[in-house]
């Protein structure tokens, strides 16, 4: 898996209020943090290898799916969640 388009993750919860902007650049993904509070990110920009980012996001998806299963959440039966549990993202 690799990224070919830019995307954003909006962390809108009160007190966090920031957007992470991901832009692929060759084998790297450039990540820019925009704050909507007085907090100033340091550093404002970082880069990560695409393969490393995919591994982190895959682990996040698996951990999230296991959490849904642990609490017996109805969405944990969804096909996508089942794939995440198997490590298929």
PDB file of N, CA and C in Angstrom:
ATOM      1  N   UNK A   1       0.845  -1.170   0.000  1.00  0.00           N
ATOM      2  CA  UNK A   1       0.000   0.000   0.000  1.00  0.00           C
ATOM      3  C   UNK A   1       0.890   1.232   0.000  1.00  0.00           C
ATOM      4  N   UNK A   2       0.525   2.219  -0.797  1.00  0.00           N
ATOM      5  CA  UNK A   2       1.226   3.500  -0.776  1.00  0.00           C
ATOM      6  C   UNK A   2       0.207   4.608  -0.989  1.00  0.00           C
ATOM      7  N   UNK A   3       0.595   5.795  -0.613  1.00  0.00           N
ATOM      8  CA  UNK A   3      -0.279   6.954  -0.733  1.00  0.00           C
ATOM      9  C   UNK A   3       0.040   7.694  -2.021  1.00  0.00           C
ATOM     10  N   UNK A   4      -0.981   8.050  -2.769  1.00  0.00           N
ATOM     11  CA  UNK A   4      -0.748   8.801  -3.999  1.00  0.00           C
ATOM     12  C   UNK A   4      -1.484  10.140  -3.990  1.00  0.00           C
ATOM     13  N   UNK A   5      -2.340  10.365  -2.986  1.00  0.00           N
ATOM     14  CA  UNK A   5      -3.072  11.629  -2.889  1.00  0.00           C
ATOM     15  C   UNK A   5      -2.942  12.179  -1.474  1.00  0.00           C
ATOM     16  N   UNK A   6      -3.088  13.483  -1.349  1.00  0.00           N
ATOM     17  CA  UNK A   6      -3.071  14.130  -0.043  1.00  0.00           C
ATOM     18  C   UNK A   6      -4.381  13.858   0.677  1.00  0.00           C
ATOM     19  N   UNK A   7      -4.313  13.848   2.001  1.00  0.00           N
ATOM     20  CA  UNK A   7      -5.534  13.717   2.792  1.00  0.00           C
ATOM     21  C   UNK A   7      -5.339  14.420   4.123  1.00  0.00           C
ATOM     22  N   UNK A   8      -6.468  14.689   4.802  1.00  0.00           N
ATOM     23  CA  UNK A   8      -6.445  15.391   6.077  1.00  0.00           C
ATOM     24  C   UNK A   8      -7.146  14.563   7.143  1.00  0.00           C
ATOM     25  N   UNK A   9      -6.670  14.711   8.368  1.00  0.00           N
ATOM     26  CA  UNK A   9      -7.333  14.142   9.534  1.00  0.00           C
ATOM     27  C   UNK A   9      -7.649  15.313  10.446  1.00  0.00           C
ATOM     28  N   UNK A  10      -8.934  15.521  10.715  1.00  0.00           N
ATOM     29  CA  UNK A  10      -9.371  16.632  11.551  1.00  0.00           C
ATOM     30  C   UNK A  10      -9.593  16.132  12.970  1.00  0.00           C
ATOM     31  N   UNK A  11      -8.807  16.643  13.895  1.00  0.00           N
ATOM     32  CA  UNK A  11      -8.961  16.325  15.316  1.00  0.00           C
ATOM     33  C   UNK A  11      -9.727  17.499  15.930  1.00  0.00           C
ATOM     34  N   UNK A  12     -11.046  17.385  15.906  1.00  0.00           N
ATOM     35  CA  UNK A  12     -11.900  18.523  16.217  1.00  0.00           C
ATOM     36  C   UNK A  12     -12.324  18.615  17.673  1.00  0.00           C
ATOM     37  N   UNK A  13     -11.985  17.638  18.508  1.00  0.00           N
ATOM     38  CA  UNK A  13     -12.429  17.664  19.901  1.00  0.00           C
ATOM     39  C   UNK A  13     -11.944  18.930  20.603  1.00  0.00           C
ATOM     40  N   UNK A  14     -12.807  19.455  21.465  1.00  0.00           N
ATOM     41  CA  UNK A  14     -12.473  20.683  22.183  1.00  0.00           C
ATOM     42  C   UNK A  14     -11.171  20.498  22.952  1.00  0.00           C
ATOM     43  N   UNK A  15     -10.286  21.451  22.794  1.00  0.00           N
ATOM     44  CA  UNK A  15      -8.990  21.404  23.445  1.00  0.00           C
ATOM     45  C   UNK A  15      -7.893  20.833  22.564  1.00  0.00           C
ATOM     46  N   UNK A  16      -8.257  20.011  21.588  1.00  0.00           N
ATOM     47  CA  UNK A  16      -7.270  19.473  20.648  1.00  0.00           C
ATOM     48  C   UNK A  16      -7.277  20.350  19.407  1.00  0.00           C
ATOM     49  N   UNK A  17      -8.384  20.416  18.718  1.00  0.00           N
ATOM     50  CA  UNK A  17      -8.658  21.335  17.615  1.00  0.00           C
ATOM     51  C   UNK A  17      -7.469  21.586  16.690  1.00  0.00           C
ATOM     52  N   UNK A  18      -7.118  20.561  15.950  1.00  0.00           N
ATOM     53  CA  UNK A  18      -6.056  20.709  14.956  1.00  0.00           C
ATOM     54  C   UNK A  18      -6.321  19.789  13.778  1.00  0.00           C
ATOM     55  N   UNK A  19      -5.655  20.083  12.687  1.00  0.00           N
ATOM     56  CA  UNK A  19      -5.771  19.275  11.473  1.00  0.00           C
ATOM     57  C   UNK A  19      -4.387  18.785  11.086  1.00  0.00           C
ATOM     58  N   UNK A  20      -4.304  17.490  10.776  1.00  0.00           N
ATOM     59  CA  UNK A  20      -3.070  16.911  10.256  1.00  0.00           C
ATOM     60  C   UNK A  20      -3.252  16.732   8.757  1.00  0.00           C
ATOM     61  N   UNK A  21      -2.338  17.300   7.990  1.00  0.00           N
ATOM     62  CA  UNK A  21      -2.402  17.231   6.530  1.00  0.00           C
ATOM     63  C   UNK A  21      -1.258  16.331   6.060  1.00  0.00           C
ATOM     64  N   UNK A  22      -1.620  15.277   5.333  1.00  0.00           N
ATOM     65  CA  UNK A  22      -0.658  14.291   4.849  1.00  0.00           C
ATOM     66  C   UNK A  22      -0.477  14.471   3.348  1.00  0.00           C
ATOM     67  N   UNK A  23       0.774  14.668   2.916  1.00  0.00           N
ATOM     68  CA  UNK A  23       1.076  14.838   1.491  1.00  0.00           C
ATOM     69  C   UNK A  23       2.192  13.881   1.098  1.00  0.00           C
ATOM     70  N   UNK A  24       1.903  12.968   0.158  1.00  0.00           N
ATOM     71  CA  UNK A  24       2.953  12.049  -0.287  1.00  0.00           C
ATOM     72  C   UNK A  24       4.023  12.787  -1.081  1.00  0.00           C
ATOM     73  N   UNK A  25       5.251  12.353  -0.913  1.00  0.00           N
ATOM     74  CA  UNK A  25       6.380  12.933  -1.634  1.00  0.00           C
ATOM     75  C   UNK A  25       7.403  11.811  -1.840  1.00  0.00           C
ATOM     76  N   UNK A  26       7.262  11.116  -2.959  1.00  0.00           N
ATOM     77  CA  UNK A  26       8.149   9.970  -3.210  1.00  0.00           C
ATOM     78  C   UNK A  26       7.864   8.872  -2.212  1.00  0.00           C
ATOM     79  N   UNK A  27       8.911   8.387  -1.538  1.00  0.00           N
ATOM     80  CA  UNK A  27       8.763   7.320  -0.548  1.00  0.00           C
ATOM     81  C   UNK A  27       8.391   7.852   0.830  1.00  0.00           C
ATOM     82  N   UNK A  28       8.249   9.178   0.937  1.00  0.00           N
ATOM     83  CA  UNK A  28       7.922   9.804   2.218  1.00  0.00           C
ATOM     84  C   UNK A  28       6.508  10.371   2.196  1.00  0.00           C
ATOM     85  N   UNK A  29       5.985  10.607   3.387  1.00  0.00           N
ATOM     86  CA  UNK A  29       4.742  11.361   3.545  1.00  0.00           C
ATOM     87  C   UNK A  29       5.085  12.552   4.431  1.00  0.00           C
ATOM     88  N   UNK A  30       4.808  13.740   3.933  1.00  0.00           N
ATOM     89  CA  UNK A  30       5.027  14.961   4.698  1.00  0.00           C
ATOM     90  C   UNK A  30       3.766  15.230   5.507  1.00  0.00           C
ATOM     91  N   UNK A  31       3.921  15.495   6.804  1.00  0.00           N
ATOM     92  CA  UNK A  31       2.779  15.728   7.692  1.00  0.00           C
ATOM     93  C   UNK A  31       2.896  17.138   8.252  1.00  0.00           C
ATOM     94  N   UNK A  32       1.832  17.915   8.038  1.00  0.00           N
ATOM     95  CA  UNK A  32       1.777  19.300   8.504  1.00  0.00           C
ATOM     96  C   UNK A  32       0.661  19.399   9.540  1.00  0.00           C
ATOM     97  N   UNK A  33       0.940  20.021  10.675  1.00  0.00           N
ATOM     98  CA  UNK A  33      -0.049  20.185  11.736  1.00  0.00           C
ATOM     99  C   UNK A  33      -0.505  21.642  11.779  1.00  0.00           C
ATOM    100  N   UNK A  34      -1.815  21.848  11.628  1.00  0.00           N
ATOM    101  CA  UNK A  34      -2.407  23.186  11.737  1.00  0.00           C
ATOM    102  C   UNK A  34      -3.248  23.240  13.008  1.00  0.00           C
ATOM    103  N   UNK A  35      -2.893  24.128  13.922  1.00  0.00           N
ATOM    104  CA  UNK A  35      -3.614  24.281  15.180  1.00  0.00           C
ATOM    105  C   UNK A  35      -4.709  25.329  15.040  1.00  0.00           C
ATOM    106  N   UNK A  36      -5.840  25.058  15.696  1.00  0.00           N
ATOM    107  CA  UNK A  36      -6.920  26.049  15.747  1.00  0.00           C
ATOM    108  C   UNK A  36      -7.086  26.576  17.173  1.00  0.00           C
ATOM    109  N   UNK A  37      -6.027  26.464  17.961  1.00  0.00           N
ATOM    110  CA  UNK A  37      -6.012  26.996  19.325  1.00  0.00           C
ATOM    111  C   UNK A  37      -4.736  27.817  19.480  1.00  0.00           C
ATOM    112  N   UNK A  38      -4.457  28.242  20.702  1.00  0.00           N
ATOM    113  CA  UNK A  38      -3.221  28.985  20.969  1.00  0.00           C
ATOM    114  C   UNK A  38      -1.990  28.078  20.960  1.00  0.00           C
ATOM    115  N   UNK A  39      -2.223  26.777  21.037  1.00  0.00           N
ATOM    116  CA  UNK A  39      -1.116  25.822  21.025  1.00  0.00           C
ATOM    117  C   UNK A  39      -0.391  25.888  19.689  1.00  0.00           C
ATOM    118  N   UNK A  40       0.934  25.846  19.729  1.00  0.00           N
ATOM    119  CA  UNK A  40       1.748  25.899  18.516  1.00  0.00           C
ATOM    120  C   UNK A  40       2.530  24.592  18.395  1.00  0.00           C
ATOM    121  N   UNK A  41       2.331  23.856  17.299  1.00  0.00           N
ATOM    122  CA  UNK A  41       3.058  22.592  17.136  1.00  0.00           C
ATOM    123  C   UNK A  41       4.556  22.834  16.972  1.00  0.00           C
ATOM    124  N   UNK A  42       5.343  21.941  17.573  1.00  0.00           N
ATOM    125  CA  UNK A  42       6.797  22.055  17.462  1.00  0.00           C
ATOM    126  C   UNK A  42       7.377  20.652  17.363  1.00  0.00           C
ATOM    127  N   UNK A  43       7.742  20.205  16.184  1.00  0.00           N
ATOM    128  CA  UNK A  43       7.789  20.959  14.933  1.00  0.00           C
ATOM    129  C   UNK A  43       6.406  21.000  14.274  1.00  0.00           C
ATOM    130  N   UNK A  44       6.256  21.936  13.370  1.00  0.00           N
ATOM    131  CA  UNK A  44       5.003  22.102  12.630  1.00  0.00           C
ATOM    132  C   UNK A  44       4.877  21.069  11.513  1.00  0.00           C
ATOM    133  N   UNK A  45       6.028  20.619  10.999  1.00  0.00           N
ATOM    134  CA  UNK A  45       6.048  19.649   9.907  1.00  0.00           C
ATOM    135  C   UNK A  45       6.990  18.502  10.261  1.00  0.00           C
ATOM    136  N   UNK A  46       6.588  17.311   9.831  1.00  0.00           N
ATOM    137  CA  UNK A  46       7.430  16.130   9.983  1.00  0.00           C
ATOM    138  C   UNK A  46       7.286  15.284   8.735  1.00  0.00           C
ATOM    139  N   UNK A  47       8.206  14.370   8.549  1.00  0.00           N
ATOM    140  CA  UNK A  47       8.088  13.427   7.438  1.00  0.00           C
ATOM    141  C   UNK A  47       8.300  12.023   7.984  1.00  0.00           C
ATOM    142  N   UNK A  48       7.686  11.070   7.306  1.00  0.00           N
ATOM    143  CA  UNK A  48       7.797   9.672   7.706  1.00  0.00           C
ATOM    144  C   UNK A  48       7.777   8.830   6.434  1.00  0.00           C
ATOM    145  N   UNK A  49       8.487   7.719   6.460  1.00  0.00           N
ATOM    146  CA  UNK A  49       8.461   6.807   5.317  1.00  0.00           C
ATOM    147  C   UNK A  49       7.040   6.275   5.155  1.00  0.00           C
ATOM    148  N   UNK A  50       6.592   6.169   3.901  1.00  0.00           N
ATOM    149  CA  UNK A  50       5.245   5.663   3.651  1.00  0.00           C
ATOM    150  C   UNK A  50       5.046   4.303   4.307  1.00  0.00           C
ATOM    151  N   UNK A  51       6.023   3.430   4.214  1.00  0.00           N
ATOM    152  CA  UNK A  51       5.891   2.088   4.799  1.00  0.00           C
ATOM    153  C   UNK A  51       5.719   2.158   6.310  1.00  0.00           C
ATOM    154  N   UNK A  52       6.417   3.080   6.956  1.00  0.00           N
ATOM    155  CA  UNK A  52       6.296   3.239   8.408  1.00  0.00           C
ATOM    156  C   UNK A  52       4.914   3.783   8.783  1.00  0.00           C
ATOM    157  N   UNK A  53       4.407   4.737   8.000  1.00  0.00           N
ATOM    158  CA  UNK A  53       3.083   5.291   8.257  1.00  0.00           C
ATOM    159  C   UNK A  53       2.008   4.227   8.067  1.00  0.00           C
ATOM    160  N   UNK A  54       2.121   3.427   7.015  1.00  0.00           N
ATOM    161  CA  UNK A  54       1.162   2.338   6.778  1.00  0.00           C
ATOM    162  C   UNK A  54       1.176   1.365   7.957  1.00  0.00           C
ATOM    163  N   UNK A  55       2.355   1.037   8.466  1.00  0.00           N
ATOM    164  CA  UNK A  55       2.455   0.124   9.609  1.00  0.00           C
ATOM    165  C   UNK A  55       1.774   0.728  10.839  1.00  0.00           C
ATOM    166  N   UNK A  56       1.993   2.019  11.090  1.00  0.00           N
ATOM    167  CA  UNK A  56       1.370   2.677  12.245  1.00  0.00           C
ATOM    168  C   UNK A  56      -0.150   2.709  12.116  1.00  0.00           C
ATOM    169  N   UNK A  57      -0.647   3.060  10.925  1.00  0.00           N
ATOM    170  CA  UNK A  57      -2.096   3.142  10.723  1.00  0.00           C
ATOM    171  C   UNK A  57      -2.731   1.756  10.760  1.00  0.00           C
ATOM    172  N   UNK A  58      -2.031   0.745  10.276  1.00  0.00           N
ATOM    173  CA  UNK A  58      -2.534  -0.630  10.334  1.00  0.00           C
ATOM    174  C   UNK A  58      -2.648  -1.091  11.782  1.00  0.00           C
ATOM    175  N   UNK A  59      -1.642  -0.761  12.592  1.00  0.00           N
ATOM    176  CA  UNK A  59      -1.689  -1.120  14.012  1.00  0.00           C
ATOM    177  C   UNK A  59      -2.843  -0.391  14.694  1.00  0.00           C
ATOM    178  N   UNK A  60      -3.029   0.882  14.375  1.00  0.00           N
ATOM    179  CA  UNK A  60      -4.133   1.651  14.951  1.00  0.00           C
ATOM    180  C   UNK A  60      -5.477   1.004  14.611  1.00  0.00           C
ATOM    181  N   UNK A  61      -5.664   0.615  13.350  1.00  0.00           N
ATOM    182  CA  UNK A  61      -6.916  -0.023  12.928  1.00  0.00           C
ATOM    183  C   UNK A  61      -7.133  -1.334  13.686  1.00  0.00           C
ATOM    184  N   UNK A  62      -6.092  -2.131  13.828  1.00  0.00           N
ATOM    185  CA  UNK A  62      -6.197  -3.395  14.555  1.00  0.00           C
ATOM    186  C   UNK A  62      -6.520  -3.183  16.029  1.00  0.00           C
ATOM    187  N   UNK A  63      -5.844  -2.222  16.655  1.00  0.00           N
ATOM    188  CA  UNK A  63      -6.105  -1.918  18.064  1.00  0.00           C
ATOM    189  C   UNK A  63      -7.539  -1.427  18.259  1.00  0.00           C
ATOM    190  N   UNK A  64      -8.010  -0.597  17.354  1.00  0.00           N
ATOM    191  CA  UNK A  64      -9.381  -0.080  17.409  1.00  0.00           C
ATOM    192  C   UNK A  64     -10.377  -1.239  17.286  1.00  0.00           C
ATOM    193  N   UNK A  65     -10.140  -2.127  16.333  1.00  0.00           N
ATOM    194  CA  UNK A  65     -11.025  -3.276  16.123  1.00  0.00           C
ATOM    195  C   UNK A  65     -11.047  -4.178  17.356  1.00  0.00           C
ATOM    196  N   UNK A  66      -9.877  -4.428  17.960  1.00  0.00           N
ATOM    197  CA  UNK A  66      -9.823  -5.256  19.166  1.00  0.00           C
ATOM    198  C   UNK A  66     -10.574  -4.586  20.313  1.00  0.00           C
ATOM    199  N   UNK A  67     -10.494  -3.260  20.393  1.00  0.00           N
ATOM    200  CA  UNK A  67     -11.240  -2.535  21.425  1.00  0.00           C
ATOM    201  C   UNK A  67     -12.739  -2.689  21.246  1.00  0.00           C
ATOM    202  N   UNK A  68     -13.201  -2.593  19.986  1.00  0.00           N
ATOM    203  CA  UNK A  68     -14.627  -2.791  19.715  1.00  0.00           C
ATOM    204  C   UNK A  68     -15.072  -4.189  20.120  1.00  0.00           C
ATOM    205  N   UNK A  69     -14.252  -5.179  19.795  1.00  0.00           N
ATOM    206  CA  UNK A  69     -14.567  -6.560  20.168  1.00  0.00           C
ATOM    207  C   UNK A  69     -14.617  -6.719  21.686  1.00  0.00           C
ATOM    208  N   UNK A  70     -13.637  -6.114  22.368  1.00  0.00           N
ATOM    209  CA  UNK A  70     -13.538  -6.258  23.822  1.00  0.00           C
ATOM    210  C   UNK A  70     -14.769  -5.720  24.543  1.00  0.00           C
ATOM    211  N   UNK A  71     -15.363  -4.660  24.024  1.00  0.00           N
ATOM    212  CA  UNK A  71     -16.544  -4.093  24.679  1.00  0.00           C
ATOM    213  C   UNK A  71     -17.842  -4.655  24.112  1.00  0.00           C
ATOM    214  N   UNK A  72     -17.729  -5.564  23.148  1.00  0.00           N
ATOM    215  CA  UNK A  72     -18.916  -6.178  22.571  1.00  0.00           C
ATOM    216  C   UNK A  72     -19.737  -5.239  21.719  1.00  0.00           C
ATOM    217  N   UNK A  73     -19.082  -4.297  21.075  1.00  0.00           N
ATOM    218  CA  UNK A  73     -19.779  -3.321  20.240  1.00  0.00           C
ATOM    219  C   UNK A  73     -20.355  -3.975  18.989  1.00  0.00           C
ATOM    220  N   UNK A  74     -21.584  -3.631  18.654  1.00  0.00           N
ATOM    221  CA  UNK A  74     -22.242  -4.188  17.470  1.00  0.00           C
ATOM    222  C   UNK A  74     -21.440  -3.972  16.184  1.00  0.00           C
ATOM    223  N   UNK A  75     -20.847  -2.774  15.976  1.00  0.00           N
ATOM    224  CA  UNK A  75     -20.073  -2.594  14.731  1.00  0.00           C
ATOM    225  C   UNK A  75     -18.867  -3.524  14.617  1.00  0.00           C
ATOM    226  N   UNK A  76     -18.484  -4.165  15.728  1.00  0.00           N
ATOM    227  CA  UNK A  76     -17.315  -5.058  15.661  1.00  0.00           C
ATOM    228  C   UNK A  76     -17.573  -6.268  14.770  1.00  0.00           C
ATOM    229  N   UNK A  77     -18.819  -6.506  14.409  1.00  0.00           N
ATOM    230  CA  UNK A  77     -19.157  -7.619  13.530  1.00  0.00           C
ATOM    231  C   UNK A  77     -19.084  -7.229  12.050  1.00  0.00           C
ATOM    232  N   UNK A  78     -18.884  -5.975  11.749  1.00  0.00           N
ATOM    233  CA  UNK A  78     -18.829  -5.514  10.361  1.00  0.00           C
ATOM    234  C   UNK A  78     -17.635  -6.144   9.646  1.00  0.00           C
ATOM    235  N   UNK A  79     -17.802  -6.389   8.352  1.00  0.00           N
ATOM    236  CA  UNK A  79     -16.756  -7.041   7.561  1.00  0.00           C
ATOM    237  C   UNK A  79     -15.439  -6.266   7.615  1.00  0.00           C
ATOM    238  N   UNK A  80     -15.512  -4.942   7.543  1.00  0.00           N
ATOM    239  CA  UNK A  80     -14.282  -4.142   7.573  1.00  0.00           C
ATOM    240  C   UNK A  80     -13.547  -4.340   8.886  1.00  0.00           C
ATOM    241  N   UNK A  81     -14.271  -4.354   9.999  1.00  0.00           N
ATOM    242  CA  UNK A  81     -13.639  -4.536  11.307  1.00  0.00           C
ATOM    243  C   UNK A  81     -13.012  -5.927  11.395  1.00  0.00           C
ATOM    244  N   UNK A  82     -13.695  -6.917  10.872  1.00  0.00           N
ATOM    245  CA  UNK A  82     -13.142  -8.276  10.852  1.00  0.00           C
ATOM    246  C   UNK A  82     -11.830  -8.316  10.072  1.00  0.00           C
ATOM    247  N   UNK A  83     -11.755  -7.584   8.954  1.00  0.00           N
ATOM    248  CA  UNK A  83     -10.510  -7.533   8.166  1.00  0.00           C
ATOM    249  C   UNK A  83      -9.410  -6.847   8.974  1.00  0.00           C
ATOM    250  N   UNK A  84      -9.758  -5.784   9.697  1.00  0.00           N
ATOM    251  CA  UNK A  84      -8.750  -5.091  10.508  1.00  0.00           C
ATOM    252  C   UNK A  84      -8.188  -6.031  11.555  1.00  0.00           C
ATOM    253  N   UNK A  85      -9.049  -6.858  12.136  1.00  0.00           N
ATOM    254  CA  UNK A  85      -8.578  -7.823  13.146  1.00  0.00           C
ATOM    255  C   UNK A  85      -7.579  -8.800  12.550  1.00  0.00           C
ATOM    256  N   UNK A  86      -7.703  -9.089  11.266  1.00  0.00           N
ATOM    257  CA  UNK A  86      -6.788 -10.008  10.581  1.00  0.00           C
ATOM    258  C   UNK A  86      -5.545  -9.294  10.055  1.00  0.00           C
ATOM    259  N   UNK A  87      -5.471  -7.972  10.271  1.00  0.00           N
ATOM    260  CA  UNK A  87      -4.337  -7.202   9.789  1.00  0.00           C
ATOM    261  C   UNK A  87      -4.485  -6.748   8.350  1.00  0.00           C
ATOM    262  N   UNK A  88      -5.694  -6.864   7.803  1.00  0.00           N
ATOM    263  CA  UNK A  88      -5.951  -6.442   6.425  1.00  0.00           C
ATOM    264  C   UNK A  88      -6.563  -5.044   6.446  1.00  0.00           C
ATOM    265  N   UNK A  89      -5.801  -4.100   5.987  1.00  0.00           N
ATOM    266  CA  UNK A  89      -6.286  -2.708   6.002  1.00  0.00           C
ATOM    267  C   UNK A  89      -6.515  -2.248   4.586  1.00  0.00           C
TER     268      UNK A  89
END
